[in-house]
Amino acid sequence: MKRHAFNFKGLFTAGALFAAFGLVSSCGDGGNAGGGKSDSTAKGSSDDNTVIGAGSSFDAPLFSKAFAEYTKANGLMVNYQSVGSGAGISQLTNKTVDFGASDAPMNGKQDSAVSAPVLHVPVTAGAVVLSYNLPDVKDTLQLSPAVLADIFLGVITKWNDPRIVALNKTAKLPATSIVIAHRSDGSGTSNIFTTYLSKVSDAWNTKVGKGSSVNWPAGLGGKGNEGVAGLIKQTPGAIGYIELAYAVQNNMAFAKMQNKAGNFITPSIASVTAAANITIPADSKVSLTNTEAADGYPISGFSWILIYKEQKYGDRSQDRATKLLKLLSWMIHDGQQFSGALNYAPLSPAAVSTGDAILKSATYDGKPILQ
């Protein structure tokens, strides 16, 4: 399997997870994705040459590369902390960051907690994959929606369960117990995954439901995509959901998923692009899960950068707001060139057009920032 510039190898112990990932998210500079200062709050930074963001670990590999390249080309420092979508929304709500990042649109409760309207700017699309730790199984496993739901509901508890065997007739599946690995933090990746399960399983929808945080019926919790990847790697028999980049860059096995058309689909740039080939609403808030596309991967999702529509708040300068908006405009245009090598699907022309319109609606003291 091809390796890329960012390698998460070594996520074997809980104590090493964040130290190892810090090397990735910082590009070698103490946790700041664009090489920015270690200032942890937007309020506390008077340096308008540094913008601060927090949130999605789903986005972290892409942000690490893209923000570092933007810093080299434009000099703006970008300090991004991979803390999970829920924490990113919380920090944006508290105005301690310039932007949040989330793989789930803000919900009604989150909308009511913010002091002003928040814009959702689509920045990428990716796949949530089912990675598993079965070193003696050489075949790529295939999973159906019903089997996947029952695994995470705790109904199917052994890898050699007849229902898994029926989907994988040539695989030599062991009698090993299944260990579920899931997110312990508020997570947009969890939202994508549980939204999918709620669409395909009435039992899941009734007993667990969808959201960034749910009451998991079974399993072990890890913080961030990196935490769940670490749990899977260190736990024989484990299965968990992580963003595609984490699985590829760690050489982790991941399953083909049966989609709505009945096809078993390998998660890839092409199959996510197929799932994302839909009409994008003006606010960009749309789900890609359980796609109708015959060649689309069914557990795909957009990810968004979140900013306040009115950028004049607190002690923010117009210069800072302008630099932030120019960064985000670059992300949805030139920044898309870094997506493919890191296993993200570049935005479609329709998504870019929607993102442009959203960015142009951002204001400083009531006046558009971007012309």
Protein backbone atom coordinates (compact mmCIF):
# COMPACT_ATOMS: atom_id res chain seq x y z
CA MET A 1 0.00 0.00 0.00
CA LYS A 2 1.33 3.39 -0.97
CA ARG A 3 2.72 5.58 1.79
CA HIS A 4 2.47 9.33 1.81
CA ALA A 5 4.21 12.20 3.48
CA PHE A 6 2.37 11.84 6.77
CA ASN A 7 2.81 8.55 8.57
CA PHE A 8 0.87 7.58 11.68
CA LYS A 9 2.88 4.41 12.22
CA GLY A 10 3.57 3.76 15.84
CA LEU A 11 0.13 4.45 17.31
CA PHE A 12 0.38 1.38 19.51
CA THR A 13 -0.10 2.61 23.07
CA ALA A 14 -2.51 5.12 24.51
CA GLY A 15 0.36 7.09 25.96
CA ALA A 16 2.04 7.40 22.59
CA LEU A 17 -1.02 8.30 20.54
CA PHE A 18 -0.99 12.04 20.92
CA ALA A 19 2.77 12.40 20.94
CA ALA A 20 2.90 10.50 17.68
CA PHE A 21 0.07 12.46 16.12
CA GLY A 22 1.49 15.76 17.29
CA LEU A 23 4.34 15.25 14.83
CA VAL A 24 1.77 15.09 12.07
CA SER A 25 -0.54 17.91 12.99
CA SER A 26 2.32 20.26 13.75
CA CYS A 27 4.51 19.72 10.70
CA GLY A 28 7.22 19.56 13.32
CA ASP A 29 6.32 22.68 15.25
CA GLY A 30 4.73 21.82 18.55
CA GLY A 31 1.16 21.14 17.47
CA ASN A 32 0.62 24.07 15.08
CA ALA A 33 -0.45 22.80 11.70
CA GLY A 34 0.95 25.70 9.74
CA GLY A 35 4.00 26.26 11.89
CA GLY A 36 2.23 28.93 13.93
CA LYS A 37 2.84 30.01 17.49
CA SER A 38 1.66 27.88 20.37
CA ASP A 39 -0.90 30.50 21.46
CA SER A 40 -4.02 28.50 22.28
CA THR A 41 -6.71 31.17 22.01
CA ALA A 42 -7.80 33.64 19.39
CA LYS A 43 -8.70 36.11 22.14
CA GLY A 44 -5.21 35.99 23.55
CA SER A 45 -3.39 36.47 20.26
CA SER A 46 -2.70 40.00 19.10
CA ASP A 47 -0.61 38.63 16.21
CA ASP A 48 -2.70 39.12 13.09
CA ASN A 49 -0.22 36.96 11.18
CA THR A 50 -1.45 33.88 13.06
CA VAL A 51 -4.91 32.37 12.79
CA ILE A 52 -6.08 29.64 15.14
CA GLY A 53 -8.40 26.74 14.49
CA ALA A 54 -9.54 23.58 16.24
CA GLY A 55 -11.76 20.61 15.62
CA SER A 56 -12.01 17.67 13.25
CA SER A 57 -9.36 14.95 13.46
CA PHE A 58 -10.90 13.64 10.22
CA ASP A 59 -9.37 16.69 8.50
CA ALA A 60 -6.05 16.75 10.32
CA PRO A 61 -3.80 15.00 7.75
CA LEU A 62 -5.08 17.28 4.96
CA PHE A 63 -4.89 20.42 7.08
CA SER A 64 -1.34 19.62 8.18
CA LYS A 65 -0.14 19.54 4.59
CA ALA A 66 -2.29 22.34 3.17
CA PHE A 67 -1.71 24.84 5.98
CA ALA A 68 2.04 24.22 5.91
CA GLU A 69 2.10 24.91 2.17
CA TYR A 70 0.05 28.07 2.63
CA THR A 71 2.44 29.29 5.30
CA LYS A 72 5.41 28.76 2.98
CA ALA A 73 3.72 30.64 0.14
CA ASN A 74 2.00 33.46 2.06
CA GLY A 75 3.65 33.74 5.46
CA LEU A 76 0.42 33.37 7.45
CA MET A 77 0.82 31.02 10.41
CA VAL A 78 -2.01 28.55 11.01
CA ASN A 79 -2.25 26.91 14.42
CA TYR A 80 -4.67 23.98 14.11
CA GLN A 81 -5.44 21.63 16.98
CA SER A 82 -6.92 18.20 16.19
CA VAL A 83 -9.33 17.94 19.14
CA GLY A 84 -12.48 16.54 17.51
CA SER A 85 -15.43 18.24 15.85
CA GLY A 86 -17.39 18.74 19.06
CA ALA A 87 -14.50 20.47 20.80
CA GLY A 88 -13.89 22.61 17.72
CA ILE A 89 -17.50 23.80 17.73
CA SER A 90 -17.26 24.49 21.45
CA GLN A 91 -14.11 26.59 21.01
CA LEU A 92 -15.70 28.53 18.15
CA THR A 93 -18.76 29.11 20.34
CA ASN A 94 -16.50 30.48 23.07
CA LYS A 95 -14.63 32.57 20.47
CA THR A 96 -11.26 31.16 21.50
CA VAL A 97 -10.42 30.21 17.90
CA ASP A 98 -10.76 31.93 14.54
CA PHE A 99 -12.34 28.87 12.96
CA GLY A 100 -13.69 25.48 13.89
CA ALA A 101 -13.71 22.35 11.74
CA SER A 102 -16.40 19.70 11.81
CA ASP A 103 -17.53 16.65 9.86
CA ALA A 104 -21.10 17.31 11.00
CA PRO A 105 -23.13 20.47 10.48
CA MET A 106 -23.96 22.29 13.68
CA ASN A 107 -27.23 21.07 15.18
CA GLY A 108 -30.06 23.10 16.67
CA LYS A 109 -28.64 23.02 20.19
CA GLN A 110 -25.24 24.18 18.95
CA ASP A 111 -26.82 26.88 16.78
CA SER A 112 -28.70 28.25 19.78
CA ALA A 113 -25.50 28.40 21.84
CA VAL A 114 -23.61 30.70 19.47
CA SER A 115 -24.01 34.46 19.67
CA ALA A 116 -24.29 35.06 15.91
CA PRO A 117 -24.79 33.16 12.63
CA VAL A 118 -22.06 30.67 11.69
CA LEU A 119 -21.09 29.84 8.10
CA HIS A 120 -20.30 26.27 6.99
CA VAL A 121 -17.63 26.22 4.28
CA PRO A 122 -17.15 22.80 2.66
CA VAL A 123 -13.43 21.98 2.45
CA THR A 124 -13.18 18.29 1.58
CA ALA A 125 -14.98 14.97 1.36
CA GLY A 126 -13.74 11.69 2.70
CA ALA A 127 -14.58 8.13 3.64
CA VAL A 128 -15.19 6.65 7.07
CA VAL A 129 -13.83 3.12 6.81
CA LEU A 130 -14.26 -0.01 8.90
CA SER A 131 -10.75 -1.03 9.89
CA TYR A 132 -10.11 -4.35 11.63
CA ASN A 133 -7.27 -6.25 13.29
CA LEU A 134 -7.26 -9.82 11.96
CA PRO A 135 -3.63 -10.42 10.93
CA ASP A 136 -4.21 -14.00 9.75
CA VAL A 137 -7.08 -13.01 7.44
CA LYS A 138 -5.57 -12.17 4.06
CA ASP A 139 -8.80 -11.49 2.17
CA THR A 140 -10.33 -8.04 2.24
CA LEU A 141 -13.51 -8.49 4.25
CA GLN A 142 -16.92 -7.55 2.91
CA LEU A 143 -19.66 -6.22 5.18
CA SER A 144 -23.33 -5.55 4.57
CA PRO A 145 -25.30 -2.76 6.27
CA ALA A 146 -27.29 -5.21 8.41
CA VAL A 147 -24.22 -7.15 9.54
CA LEU A 148 -22.31 -3.95 10.33
CA ALA A 149 -25.17 -2.60 12.44
CA ASP A 150 -25.46 -5.85 14.39
CA ILE A 151 -21.71 -5.92 15.02
CA PHE A 152 -21.84 -2.46 16.58
CA LEU A 153 -25.07 -3.28 18.43
CA GLY A 154 -23.26 -6.20 20.06
CA VAL A 155 -25.56 -8.79 18.45
CA ILE A 156 -22.75 -10.36 16.41
CA THR A 157 -19.87 -11.07 18.77
CA LYS A 158 -17.52 -13.51 16.97
CA TRP A 159 -15.62 -13.10 13.73
CA ASN A 160 -16.72 -16.54 12.52
CA ASP A 161 -20.40 -15.71 12.95
CA PRO A 162 -22.34 -17.38 10.09
CA ARG A 163 -23.57 -14.02 8.78
CA ILE A 164 -20.00 -12.70 8.37
CA VAL A 165 -18.87 -16.03 6.89
CA ALA A 166 -21.70 -15.90 4.33
CA LEU A 167 -20.36 -12.57 3.04
CA ASN A 168 -16.76 -13.80 2.98
CA LYS A 169 -16.85 -17.40 1.72
CA THR A 170 -13.14 -17.64 0.88
CA ALA A 171 -11.84 -16.01 4.06
CA LYS A 172 -10.64 -18.13 6.98
CA LEU A 173 -12.35 -16.28 9.80
CA PRO A 174 -11.27 -17.07 13.37
CA ALA A 175 -13.48 -17.66 16.40
CA THR A 176 -11.97 -14.52 17.90
CA SER A 177 -14.25 -12.22 19.86
CA ILE A 178 -15.09 -8.92 18.17
CA VAL A 179 -13.89 -5.84 20.06
CA ILE A 180 -15.58 -2.57 19.06
CA ALA A 181 -13.45 0.60 18.92
CA HIS A 182 -15.38 3.87 18.82
CA ARG A 183 -14.86 7.54 19.57
CA SER A 184 -14.98 8.75 23.15
CA ASP A 185 -15.17 12.46 22.22
CA GLY A 186 -17.73 14.54 20.35
CA SER A 187 -16.97 13.59 16.77
CA GLY A 188 -18.11 14.47 13.28
CA THR A 189 -16.70 11.13 12.16
CA SER A 190 -19.10 9.49 14.64
CA ASN A 191 -21.91 11.61 13.21
CA ILE A 192 -21.21 10.37 9.67
CA PHE A 193 -21.01 6.76 10.88
CA THR A 194 -24.07 6.81 13.13
CA THR A 195 -26.12 8.73 10.54
CA TYR A 196 -25.34 5.94 8.10
CA LEU A 197 -26.29 3.21 10.60
CA SER A 198 -29.53 5.04 11.43
CA LYS A 199 -30.44 5.07 7.74
CA VAL A 200 -29.77 1.38 7.15
CA SER A 201 -30.85 -0.19 10.46
CA ASP A 202 -34.18 0.40 12.22
CA ALA A 203 -32.77 -1.31 15.32
CA TRP A 204 -29.81 1.08 15.43
CA ASN A 205 -32.02 4.09 14.80
CA THR A 206 -34.36 3.08 17.64
CA LYS A 207 -31.80 1.94 20.22
CA VAL A 208 -28.86 4.30 19.57
CA GLY A 209 -29.63 6.92 16.94
CA LYS A 210 -27.31 9.38 15.28
CA GLY A 211 -25.10 12.19 16.49
CA SER A 212 -21.60 13.34 17.27
CA SER A 213 -21.91 11.62 20.66
CA VAL A 214 -24.09 8.57 21.30
CA ASN A 215 -24.41 5.93 24.00
CA TRP A 216 -22.45 3.09 22.43
CA PRO A 217 -23.92 -0.37 23.13
CA ALA A 218 -20.46 -1.96 23.31
CA GLY A 219 -16.76 -1.36 22.94
CA LEU A 220 -13.77 0.76 23.86
CA GLY A 221 -13.50 4.52 23.35
CA GLY A 222 -10.56 6.40 21.84
CA LYS A 223 -10.08 10.14 21.44
CA GLY A 224 -9.86 11.33 17.85
CA ASN A 225 -9.40 9.29 14.71
CA GLU A 226 -5.85 8.75 15.90
CA GLY A 227 -7.06 7.29 19.19
CA VAL A 228 -9.43 4.83 17.52
CA ALA A 229 -6.71 3.84 15.02
CA GLY A 230 -4.41 3.14 17.96
CA LEU A 231 -7.01 0.97 19.70
CA ILE A 232 -7.55 -1.09 16.56
CA LYS A 233 -3.83 -1.61 15.98
CA GLN A 234 -3.16 -2.77 19.53
CA THR A 235 -6.27 -4.97 20.00
CA PRO A 236 -6.54 -8.34 18.22
CA GLY A 237 -10.07 -8.86 16.93
CA ALA A 238 -10.88 -5.15 16.99
CA ILE A 239 -13.01 -3.30 14.47
CA GLY A 240 -13.56 0.44 14.43
CA TYR A 241 -14.42 3.36 12.18
CA ILE A 242 -11.74 5.84 11.12
CA GLU A 243 -11.08 8.26 8.30
CA LEU A 244 -9.52 6.59 5.24
CA ALA A 245 -6.19 8.46 5.51
CA TYR A 246 -5.48 6.99 8.95
CA ALA A 247 -6.05 3.45 7.68
CA VAL A 248 -3.95 3.86 4.53
CA GLN A 249 -1.04 5.60 6.22
CA ASN A 250 -0.89 2.96 8.95
CA ASN A 251 -1.23 0.03 6.53
CA MET A 252 -4.40 -1.01 8.32
CA ALA A 253 -6.90 -3.41 6.75
CA PHE A 254 -10.34 -2.02 5.97
CA ALA A 255 -13.52 -3.56 4.61
CA LYS A 256 -15.51 -3.20 1.45
CA MET A 257 -19.04 -1.99 2.25
CA GLN A 258 -22.17 -3.03 0.41
CA ASN A 259 -23.97 0.05 -0.85
CA LYS A 260 -27.62 0.75 -1.56
CA ALA A 261 -27.29 -0.69 -5.07
CA GLY A 262 -26.00 -3.96 -3.60
CA ASN A 263 -22.39 -3.49 -4.74
CA PHE A 264 -19.43 -4.05 -2.42
CA ILE A 265 -17.39 -0.84 -2.67
CA THR A 266 -13.80 -0.18 -1.72
CA PRO A 267 -13.44 3.23 -0.04
CA SER A 268 -11.35 5.42 -2.35
CA ILE A 269 -11.16 8.88 -3.85
CA ALA A 270 -13.23 7.70 -6.82
CA SER A 271 -15.99 6.09 -4.74
CA VAL A 272 -16.23 9.12 -2.42
CA THR A 273 -16.36 11.43 -5.44
CA ALA A 274 -19.23 9.35 -6.81
CA ALA A 275 -21.09 9.66 -3.50
CA ALA A 276 -20.51 13.43 -3.45
CA ASN A 277 -21.89 13.97 -6.95
CA ILE A 278 -25.13 15.48 -5.67
CA THR A 279 -26.90 18.84 -5.60
CA ILE A 280 -25.31 21.05 -2.92
CA PRO A 281 -27.74 23.29 -0.99
CA ALA A 282 -26.92 26.97 -0.52
CA ASP A 283 -25.85 26.45 3.11
CA SER A 284 -23.78 23.36 2.05
CA LYS A 285 -25.29 21.23 4.87
CA VAL A 286 -25.86 17.86 3.24
CA SER A 287 -25.26 14.20 4.06
CA LEU A 288 -23.53 11.83 1.65
CA THR A 289 -24.28 8.63 3.57
CA ASN A 290 -26.14 5.69 1.99
CA THR A 291 -25.62 7.13 -1.47
CA GLU A 292 -27.82 6.20 -4.44
CA ALA A 293 -24.73 6.10 -6.70
CA ALA A 294 -24.06 2.54 -7.86
CA ASP A 295 -20.31 3.06 -7.59
CA GLY A 296 -20.43 5.32 -4.51
CA TYR A 297 -18.98 4.41 -1.11
CA PRO A 298 -21.89 4.53 1.35
CA ILE A 299 -20.13 5.94 4.44
CA SER A 300 -18.82 9.17 2.94
CA GLY A 301 -19.16 12.72 4.19
CA PHE A 302 -18.28 16.34 3.68
CA SER A 303 -16.22 18.25 6.20
CA TRP A 304 -16.63 21.95 6.88
CA ILE A 305 -14.68 24.89 8.26
CA LEU A 306 -16.90 27.00 10.51
CA ILE A 307 -16.58 30.76 10.95
CA TYR A 308 -18.77 33.58 12.20
CA LYS A 309 -20.54 35.36 9.34
CA GLU A 310 -19.81 38.74 10.97
CA GLN A 311 -16.08 38.82 11.61
CA LYS A 312 -16.00 42.01 13.66
CA TYR A 313 -16.29 40.78 17.22
CA GLY A 314 -14.17 41.12 20.31
CA ASP A 315 -10.88 42.77 19.43
CA ARG A 316 -10.59 41.20 15.96
CA SER A 317 -9.04 43.44 13.33
CA GLN A 318 -10.16 43.68 9.73
CA ASP A 319 -6.69 42.51 8.70
CA ARG A 320 -7.07 39.31 10.69
CA ALA A 321 -10.52 38.65 9.23
CA THR A 322 -9.29 39.28 5.70
CA LYS A 323 -6.33 36.91 6.11
CA LEU A 324 -8.65 34.21 7.44
CA LEU A 325 -11.06 34.55 4.52
CA LYS A 326 -8.23 34.50 1.97
CA LEU A 327 -6.88 31.32 3.58
CA LEU A 328 -10.28 29.63 3.32
CA SER A 329 -10.74 30.75 -0.27
CA TRP A 330 -7.35 29.25 -1.09
CA MET A 331 -8.33 26.02 0.70
CA ILE A 332 -11.35 25.41 -1.54
CA HIS A 333 -9.40 26.29 -4.70
CA ASP A 334 -5.61 25.78 -4.83
CA GLY A 335 -5.57 23.85 -1.56
CA GLN A 336 -7.59 21.04 -3.15
CA GLN A 337 -4.46 19.90 -5.00
CA PHE A 338 -3.25 18.19 -1.81
CA SER A 339 -6.41 16.12 -1.31
CA GLY A 340 -5.77 13.16 -3.57
CA ALA A 341 -2.34 12.18 -2.25
CA LEU A 342 -3.83 12.09 1.27
CA ASN A 343 -6.91 10.04 0.26
CA TYR A 344 -9.48 12.83 0.38
CA ALA A 345 -11.84 13.56 -2.49
CA PRO A 346 -11.36 17.04 -4.00
CA LEU A 347 -14.46 19.22 -3.88
CA SER A 348 -16.74 19.06 -6.88
CA PRO A 349 -17.20 22.23 -8.98
CA ALA A 350 -20.68 22.59 -7.43
CA ALA A 351 -19.26 22.40 -3.90
CA VAL A 352 -16.55 24.96 -4.76
CA SER A 353 -19.15 27.31 -6.21
CA THR A 354 -21.29 26.96 -3.09
CA GLY A 355 -18.23 27.56 -0.90
CA ASP A 356 -17.35 30.71 -2.84
CA ALA A 357 -20.83 32.12 -2.34
CA ILE A 358 -20.72 31.32 1.39
CA LEU A 359 -17.32 32.99 1.83
CA LYS A 360 -18.47 36.09 -0.04
CA SER A 361 -21.33 36.44 2.43
CA ALA A 362 -18.88 36.92 5.32
CA THR A 363 -18.66 40.52 6.51
CA TYR A 364 -16.59 42.86 8.65
CA ASP A 365 -18.69 45.60 10.22
CA GLY A 366 -21.47 44.68 7.83
CA LYS A 367 -19.37 44.97 4.66
CA PRO A 368 -18.26 42.00 2.51
CA ILE A 369 -14.67 40.93 3.18
CA LEU A 370 -14.06 39.23 -0.17
CA GLN A 371 -15.03 41.01 -3.38
